[in-house]
Amino acid sequence: MDRLQIKKIRNACKQWIDAKSTRTVLLYLFFLFISFVFWFVLTLNNSFQHEYSIPLHIKSIPDSATMISEIPHSIKVTVKDKGLSMLKYEIGNLPTLTLDFKEYSNGSGLFRVSVADLRSDVRDIFGASAIISSVNPDSLRFIYTNIPGKKVPINFDIDVQANLQYVINGAVKSSVDSVIVYSDSHTLAELNEVYTYHVEEHELTDTLIREVAIAPVRNARIVPKSIILTIPVEQLIYRKQKVPVNVLGQPSNINVLTFPSVVDVSFLVPQSMYRKAITIKAAVNYDDVIATKSNHVAVKVVEIPAVCQNAVLSVDSVEYIIEKY
């Protein structure tokens, strides 16, 4: 942009400002701004009432003391004061209510702030000009203990089932196997385990991972308050393998030979176990051999891992001969 263009723009602006209508608008806006300033100043001199959620902090808690009661992060306070004083709270500059543990502890497990003391402490942080209309809660009462925590195991309250063609393969795993409980000596002496909240899931088709809370114990604090449970679920796949036929219960001077001596067994196995060696046993019972009136005797699967399902033999009976020594 050259000097000539700049000069033209400057002259145009000057003409617009010098115009009578423009001066009228600017004068109106100026008086409007002055009126707003006077209104704002007068408003700030009025009293207003508002509810604030102020942070709560307890200082000087000894290392030996463990708070059992849940301490709220804040308390609700309804305050009435001049607008100028309230303005700083409206823009987020809220004070923090700080209470001294040593001042309100009875030394034997109870931290208590009365109605009068709590109002007095709140009034101090808002200033003498403020009127405290209400405080919620109106008093504070927390339980603590100086006794070391007790380590106790966790009992899982669960009812889970896999869907068809799936199986729960393995034990339930937990992020921790025990918790630390803080309480009075009588409660700790009686407490030998804690329980999770009830978990119930059916028709699972994938490994279940869930955060589960520990059921509370009266007048006790539990650390941690929740755990991560992992319940392994796998798909079942078809597998077949050959197994020898054993004879159960035969006398030492008798040898029963079966034909065939090896049979096929088909079953469903968790996917992770498909290529692993699996011990399966098939057998005939010597008592059945003696009792039968034919040259065939029933053969059954007598041993198979619990996670393997629907085991079926390729034959339901085998031929046999008896040898005596």
Protein backbone atom coordinates (compact mmCIF):
# COMPACT_ATOMS: atom_id res chain seq x y z
CA MET A 1 0.00 0.00 0.00
CA ASP A 2 1.55 3.34 -1.09
CA ARG A 3 1.39 6.72 0.65
CA LEU A 4 -1.43 7.95 -1.57
CA GLN A 5 -3.71 5.08 -0.57
CA ILE A 6 -2.88 5.59 3.10
CA LYS A 7 -3.70 9.30 2.82
CA LYS A 8 -7.06 8.51 1.16
CA ILE A 9 -8.00 6.07 3.95
CA ARG A 10 -6.98 8.59 6.65
CA ASN A 11 -9.04 11.36 5.03
CA ALA A 12 -12.06 9.06 4.75
CA CYS A 13 -11.81 8.15 8.47
CA LYS A 14 -11.52 11.83 9.41
CA GLN A 15 -14.59 12.69 7.37
CA TRP A 16 -16.53 9.87 9.04
CA ILE A 17 -15.55 11.04 12.53
CA ASP A 18 -16.29 14.68 11.70
CA ALA A 19 -19.75 13.75 10.47
CA LYS A 20 -22.56 14.92 12.79
CA SER A 21 -24.28 11.50 12.93
CA THR A 22 -21.01 9.80 13.88
CA ARG A 23 -20.33 12.26 16.70
CA THR A 24 -23.82 11.60 18.01
CA VAL A 25 -23.31 7.84 18.08
CA LEU A 26 -19.90 8.12 19.80
CA LEU A 27 -21.32 10.52 22.37
CA TYR A 28 -24.18 8.09 23.08
CA LEU A 29 -21.78 5.19 23.52
CA PHE A 30 -19.61 7.23 25.88
CA PHE A 31 -22.52 8.11 28.15
CA LEU A 32 -23.74 4.51 27.97
CA PHE A 33 -20.33 3.33 29.20
CA ILE A 34 -20.36 5.90 32.03
CA SER A 35 -23.85 4.71 33.04
CA PHE A 36 -22.69 1.08 33.09
CA VAL A 37 -19.72 1.97 35.32
CA PHE A 38 -21.99 3.80 37.80
CA TRP A 39 -24.47 0.89 37.76
CA PHE A 40 -21.68 -1.64 38.33
CA VAL A 41 -20.26 0.35 41.27
CA LEU A 42 -23.70 0.72 42.87
CA THR A 43 -24.42 -2.98 42.35
CA LEU A 44 -21.22 -3.98 44.09
CA ASN A 45 -22.38 -2.08 47.16
CA ASN A 46 -25.50 -4.26 47.39
CA SER A 47 -25.56 -7.51 49.40
CA PHE A 48 -25.78 -10.86 47.63
CA GLN A 49 -26.22 -14.44 48.82
CA HIS A 50 -24.68 -17.46 47.15
CA GLU A 51 -23.76 -21.07 47.93
CA TYR A 52 -20.13 -22.12 47.46
CA SER A 53 -18.42 -25.49 47.65
CA ILE A 54 -15.18 -24.71 49.48
CA PRO A 55 -12.23 -27.15 49.65
CA LEU A 56 -11.61 -28.89 52.98
CA HIS A 57 -8.09 -29.71 54.18
CA ILE A 58 -6.96 -31.29 57.45
CA LYS A 59 -3.35 -30.53 58.32
CA SER A 60 -0.85 -32.02 60.78
CA ILE A 61 -2.17 -35.59 60.62
CA PRO A 62 0.48 -37.76 62.35
CA ASP A 63 2.13 -40.53 60.33
CA SER A 64 0.90 -43.03 62.92
CA ALA A 65 -2.76 -42.03 62.42
CA THR A 66 -4.90 -43.54 59.66
CA MET A 67 -8.25 -41.92 58.87
CA ILE A 68 -10.99 -44.55 58.75
CA SER A 69 -13.91 -42.26 57.92
CA GLU A 70 -14.13 -40.87 54.40
CA ILE A 71 -13.17 -37.19 54.51
CA PRO A 72 -15.17 -35.02 52.06
CA HIS A 73 -13.17 -32.96 49.60
CA SER A 74 -15.35 -29.91 50.24
CA ILE A 75 -18.25 -28.51 52.26
CA LYS A 76 -21.14 -26.33 51.08
CA VAL A 77 -21.38 -22.83 52.57
CA THR A 78 -24.08 -20.24 51.90
CA VAL A 79 -22.61 -16.74 52.28
CA LYS A 80 -24.18 -13.26 52.23
CA ASP A 81 -21.88 -10.29 51.66
CA LYS A 82 -21.31 -7.12 49.62
CA GLY A 83 -21.00 -7.59 45.90
CA LEU A 84 -17.42 -6.34 45.90
CA SER A 85 -16.41 -9.05 48.36
CA MET A 86 -18.39 -11.72 46.52
CA LEU A 87 -16.85 -10.86 43.15
CA LYS A 88 -13.54 -12.58 43.92
CA TYR A 89 -15.39 -15.79 44.83
CA GLU A 90 -17.43 -15.70 41.63
CA ILE A 91 -14.28 -15.66 39.50
CA GLY A 92 -12.98 -18.79 41.24
CA ASN A 93 -10.79 -17.44 44.05
CA LEU A 94 -12.43 -19.60 46.72
CA PRO A 95 -10.73 -19.94 50.12
CA THR A 96 -9.77 -23.34 51.59
CA LEU A 97 -11.04 -24.40 54.99
CA THR A 98 -7.97 -25.77 56.79
CA LEU A 99 -8.49 -27.58 60.10
CA ASP A 100 -5.73 -28.59 62.49
CA PHE A 101 -5.84 -32.29 63.35
CA LYS A 102 -4.22 -31.70 66.75
CA GLU A 103 -6.79 -29.09 67.69
CA TYR A 104 -9.87 -31.23 67.10
CA SER A 105 -8.59 -34.75 67.83
CA ASN A 106 -9.38 -36.32 71.21
CA GLY A 107 -6.24 -38.46 70.99
CA SER A 108 -8.13 -41.75 71.11
CA GLY A 109 -9.61 -42.20 67.64
CA LEU A 110 -12.10 -39.35 67.21
CA PHE A 111 -11.72 -36.12 65.22
CA ARG A 112 -14.73 -33.84 65.88
CA VAL A 113 -15.58 -30.25 64.94
CA SER A 114 -18.73 -28.92 66.59
CA VAL A 115 -21.37 -26.76 64.90
CA ALA A 116 -20.12 -23.61 66.64
CA ASP A 117 -16.46 -24.29 65.88
CA LEU A 118 -17.12 -25.09 62.23
CA ARG A 119 -19.15 -21.91 61.71
CA SER A 120 -16.44 -19.89 63.44
CA ASP A 121 -13.72 -21.35 61.22
CA VAL A 122 -15.80 -20.73 58.08
CA ARG A 123 -16.51 -17.12 59.16
CA ASP A 124 -12.79 -16.53 59.66
CA ILE A 125 -11.91 -17.47 56.09
CA PHE A 126 -14.71 -15.36 54.54
CA GLY A 127 -14.05 -12.30 56.67
CA ALA A 128 -15.91 -10.34 59.34
CA SER A 129 -18.29 -8.67 56.88
CA ALA A 130 -19.67 -11.98 55.61
CA ILE A 131 -22.84 -13.50 57.04
CA ILE A 132 -22.76 -17.32 57.06
CA SER A 133 -26.33 -18.44 56.40
CA SER A 134 -25.71 -22.20 56.38
CA VAL A 135 -22.95 -24.79 56.47
CA ASN A 136 -23.48 -28.31 55.11
CA PRO A 137 -22.56 -30.54 56.85
CA ASP A 138 -23.08 -28.41 59.94
CA SER A 139 -20.42 -30.35 61.91
CA LEU A 140 -17.65 -32.86 61.24
CA ARG A 141 -16.95 -36.21 62.90
CA PHE A 142 -14.25 -38.59 61.64
CA ILE A 143 -12.88 -41.83 63.09
CA TYR A 144 -9.19 -42.66 62.94
CA THR A 145 -6.86 -45.27 64.41
CA ASN A 146 -3.26 -45.43 65.57
CA ILE A 147 -3.15 -49.25 65.31
CA PRO A 148 -1.17 -50.73 62.39
CA GLY A 149 -3.25 -52.34 59.66
CA LYS A 150 -3.91 -56.07 59.37
CA LYS A 151 -3.32 -58.01 56.14
CA VAL A 152 -6.27 -60.29 55.28
CA PRO A 153 -7.09 -62.42 52.20
CA ILE A 154 -9.86 -61.62 49.71
CA ASN A 155 -12.79 -63.96 49.13
CA PHE A 156 -14.24 -63.58 45.60
CA ASP A 157 -18.04 -63.56 45.52
CA ILE A 158 -18.54 -64.52 41.87
CA ASP A 159 -20.98 -66.54 39.77
CA VAL A 160 -19.69 -66.76 36.20
CA GLN A 161 -20.42 -69.18 33.38
CA ALA A 162 -19.07 -69.46 29.84
CA ASN A 163 -21.24 -69.67 26.74
CA LEU A 164 -21.61 -72.86 24.71
CA GLN A 165 -18.36 -73.78 22.90
CA TYR A 166 -16.43 -71.72 25.47
CA VAL A 167 -14.86 -72.62 28.81
CA ILE A 168 -13.40 -70.89 31.86
CA ASN A 169 -9.83 -72.15 31.56
CA GLY A 170 -7.86 -71.48 34.71
CA ALA A 171 -8.22 -69.90 38.11
CA VAL A 172 -9.65 -66.46 38.73
CA LYS A 173 -6.77 -63.97 38.97
CA SER A 174 -6.73 -60.83 41.10
CA SER A 175 -4.51 -57.76 40.94
CA VAL A 176 -3.80 -58.38 44.65
CA ASP A 177 -4.47 -61.42 46.81
CA SER A 178 -4.95 -59.51 50.08
CA VAL A 179 -5.81 -56.09 51.48
CA ILE A 180 -4.78 -54.04 54.51
CA VAL A 181 -7.57 -53.30 56.99
CA TYR A 182 -7.32 -50.45 59.51
CA SER A 183 -9.68 -50.42 62.48
CA ASP A 184 -9.87 -50.84 66.25
CA SER A 185 -8.21 -53.81 67.95
CA HIS A 186 -11.49 -55.71 68.49
CA THR A 187 -12.55 -55.48 64.83
CA LEU A 188 -9.10 -56.52 63.60
CA ALA A 189 -9.03 -59.50 65.96
CA GLU A 190 -12.38 -60.77 64.64
CA LEU A 191 -11.65 -60.11 60.95
CA ASN A 192 -10.00 -62.94 58.99
CA GLU A 193 -11.09 -62.16 55.41
CA VAL A 194 -12.93 -59.64 53.28
CA TYR A 195 -15.34 -60.16 50.38
CA THR A 196 -15.79 -58.56 47.01
CA TYR A 197 -19.18 -57.33 45.90
CA HIS A 198 -21.13 -60.00 44.01
CA VAL A 199 -20.20 -60.49 40.36
CA GLU A 200 -22.56 -62.47 38.14
CA GLU A 201 -21.97 -63.03 34.42
CA HIS A 202 -23.35 -65.72 32.12
CA GLU A 203 -22.69 -66.74 28.51
CA LEU A 204 -19.16 -65.33 28.49
CA THR A 205 -17.35 -65.52 25.15
CA ASP A 206 -14.16 -63.69 26.09
CA THR A 207 -11.88 -63.20 29.08
CA LEU A 208 -13.61 -61.01 31.67
CA ILE A 209 -11.56 -58.20 33.22
CA ARG A 210 -13.43 -56.11 35.75
CA GLU A 211 -12.73 -53.72 38.61
CA VAL A 212 -14.64 -54.94 41.66
CA ALA A 213 -15.06 -53.06 44.92
CA ILE A 214 -14.35 -54.68 48.25
CA ALA A 215 -17.45 -54.90 50.44
CA PRO A 216 -17.05 -52.40 53.30
CA VAL A 217 -16.45 -53.43 56.90
CA ARG A 218 -18.09 -51.33 59.62
CA ASN A 219 -15.72 -48.87 61.29
CA ALA A 220 -12.82 -50.00 59.12
CA ARG A 221 -10.81 -48.69 56.21
CA ILE A 222 -9.72 -51.13 53.50
CA VAL A 223 -6.72 -50.49 51.25
CA PRO A 224 -7.11 -50.90 48.35
CA LYS A 225 -10.87 -50.36 48.09
CA SER A 226 -11.16 -52.26 44.82
CA ILE A 227 -9.30 -54.91 42.83
CA ILE A 228 -9.06 -56.04 39.21
CA LEU A 229 -10.44 -59.53 38.60
CA THR A 230 -9.45 -61.52 35.52
CA ILE A 231 -11.52 -64.57 34.57
CA PRO A 232 -9.90 -66.42 31.63
CA VAL A 233 -12.38 -67.59 28.98
CA GLU A 234 -11.35 -69.52 25.87
CA GLN A 235 -13.08 -70.98 22.85
CA LEU A 236 -13.32 -74.76 22.67
CA ILE A 237 -12.09 -76.45 19.49
CA TYR A 238 -12.39 -80.03 18.20
CA ARG A 239 -9.50 -82.46 18.74
CA LYS A 240 -8.96 -86.21 18.32
CA GLN A 241 -6.24 -88.44 19.72
CA LYS A 242 -5.50 -92.13 20.24
CA VAL A 243 -5.47 -93.58 23.76
CA PRO A 244 -4.61 -97.07 25.04
CA VAL A 245 -7.31 -99.21 26.64
CA ASN A 246 -6.47 -100.17 30.21
CA VAL A 247 -8.08 -102.85 32.36
CA LEU A 248 -9.12 -101.83 35.85
CA GLY A 249 -9.30 -104.23 38.78
CA GLN A 250 -7.85 -107.36 37.18
CA PRO A 251 -6.18 -109.88 39.55
CA SER A 252 -2.40 -110.29 39.48
CA ASN A 253 -2.66 -113.76 37.92
CA ILE A 254 -5.00 -112.63 35.15
CA ASN A 255 -4.19 -110.64 32.01
CA VAL A 256 -7.04 -109.28 29.90
CA LEU A 257 -6.14 -108.36 26.33
CA THR A 258 -8.46 -106.06 24.43
CA PHE A 259 -8.97 -105.76 20.68
CA PRO A 260 -8.37 -103.08 19.67
CA SER A 261 -5.88 -102.09 22.35
CA VAL A 262 -5.94 -98.44 21.23
CA VAL A 263 -9.05 -96.39 20.49
CA ASP A 264 -9.74 -92.87 19.20
CA VAL A 265 -11.28 -90.26 21.47
CA SER A 266 -12.66 -86.94 20.20
CA PHE A 267 -13.32 -83.99 22.50
CA LEU A 268 -13.44 -80.22 22.79
CA VAL A 269 -10.33 -78.56 24.20
CA PRO A 270 -9.45 -74.90 25.03
CA GLN A 271 -7.65 -73.29 22.12
CA SER A 272 -4.45 -72.66 24.12
CA MET A 273 -4.19 -76.39 24.91
CA TYR A 274 -4.70 -77.68 21.38
CA ARG A 275 -1.03 -78.47 20.70
CA LYS A 276 -0.17 -79.50 24.26
CA ALA A 277 0.05 -83.08 25.54
CA ILE A 278 -3.22 -84.05 27.20
CA THR A 279 -3.50 -87.10 29.44
CA ILE A 280 -6.65 -89.09 28.69
CA LYS A 281 -7.31 -92.63 29.86
CA ALA A 282 -9.81 -95.16 28.51
CA ALA A 283 -10.48 -98.44 30.33
CA VAL A 284 -12.64 -101.51 30.74
CA ASN A 285 -13.56 -102.85 34.15
CA TYR A 286 -12.59 -106.44 35.02
CA ASP A 287 -15.89 -106.90 36.88
CA ASP A 288 -17.68 -106.07 33.62
CA VAL A 289 -15.54 -108.64 31.82
CA ILE A 290 -16.57 -111.34 34.30
CA ALA A 291 -20.23 -110.33 34.21
CA THR A 292 -20.62 -110.12 30.44
CA LYS A 293 -21.93 -113.11 28.52
CA SER A 294 -20.47 -112.00 25.21
CA ASN A 295 -16.97 -111.46 23.88
CA HIS A 296 -17.42 -107.68 24.02
CA VAL A 297 -17.07 -105.43 27.06
CA ALA A 298 -17.91 -101.73 27.48
CA VAL A 299 -15.03 -99.24 27.28
CA LYS A 300 -15.23 -95.78 28.87
CA VAL A 301 -13.17 -92.62 29.35
CA VAL A 302 -12.05 -92.75 32.98
CA GLU A 303 -9.68 -89.77 33.11
CA ILE A 304 -9.69 -86.47 31.22
CA PRO A 305 -8.89 -82.84 32.22
CA ALA A 306 -11.91 -80.95 33.52
CA VAL A 307 -11.59 -78.23 30.88
CA CYS A 308 -11.99 -80.79 28.09
CA GLN A 309 -15.61 -81.41 27.23
CA ASN A 310 -17.85 -83.80 25.30
CA ALA A 311 -15.36 -86.67 25.12
CA VAL A 312 -16.59 -89.42 22.80
CA LEU A 313 -14.83 -92.73 22.05
CA SER A 314 -14.77 -94.09 18.50
CA VAL A 315 -16.19 -97.41 19.85
CA ASP A 316 -18.38 -98.15 22.83
CA SER A 317 -17.02 -101.70 23.39
CA VAL A 318 -14.01 -103.85 22.60
CA GLU A 319 -13.37 -107.58 22.23
CA TYR A 320 -11.20 -109.32 24.79
CA ILE A 321 -9.46 -112.55 25.72
CA ILE A 322 -8.36 -113.65 29.19
CA GLU A 323 -4.93 -115.08 29.91
CA LYS A 324 -4.20 -116.87 33.19
CA TYR A 325 -0.73 -117.31 34.67
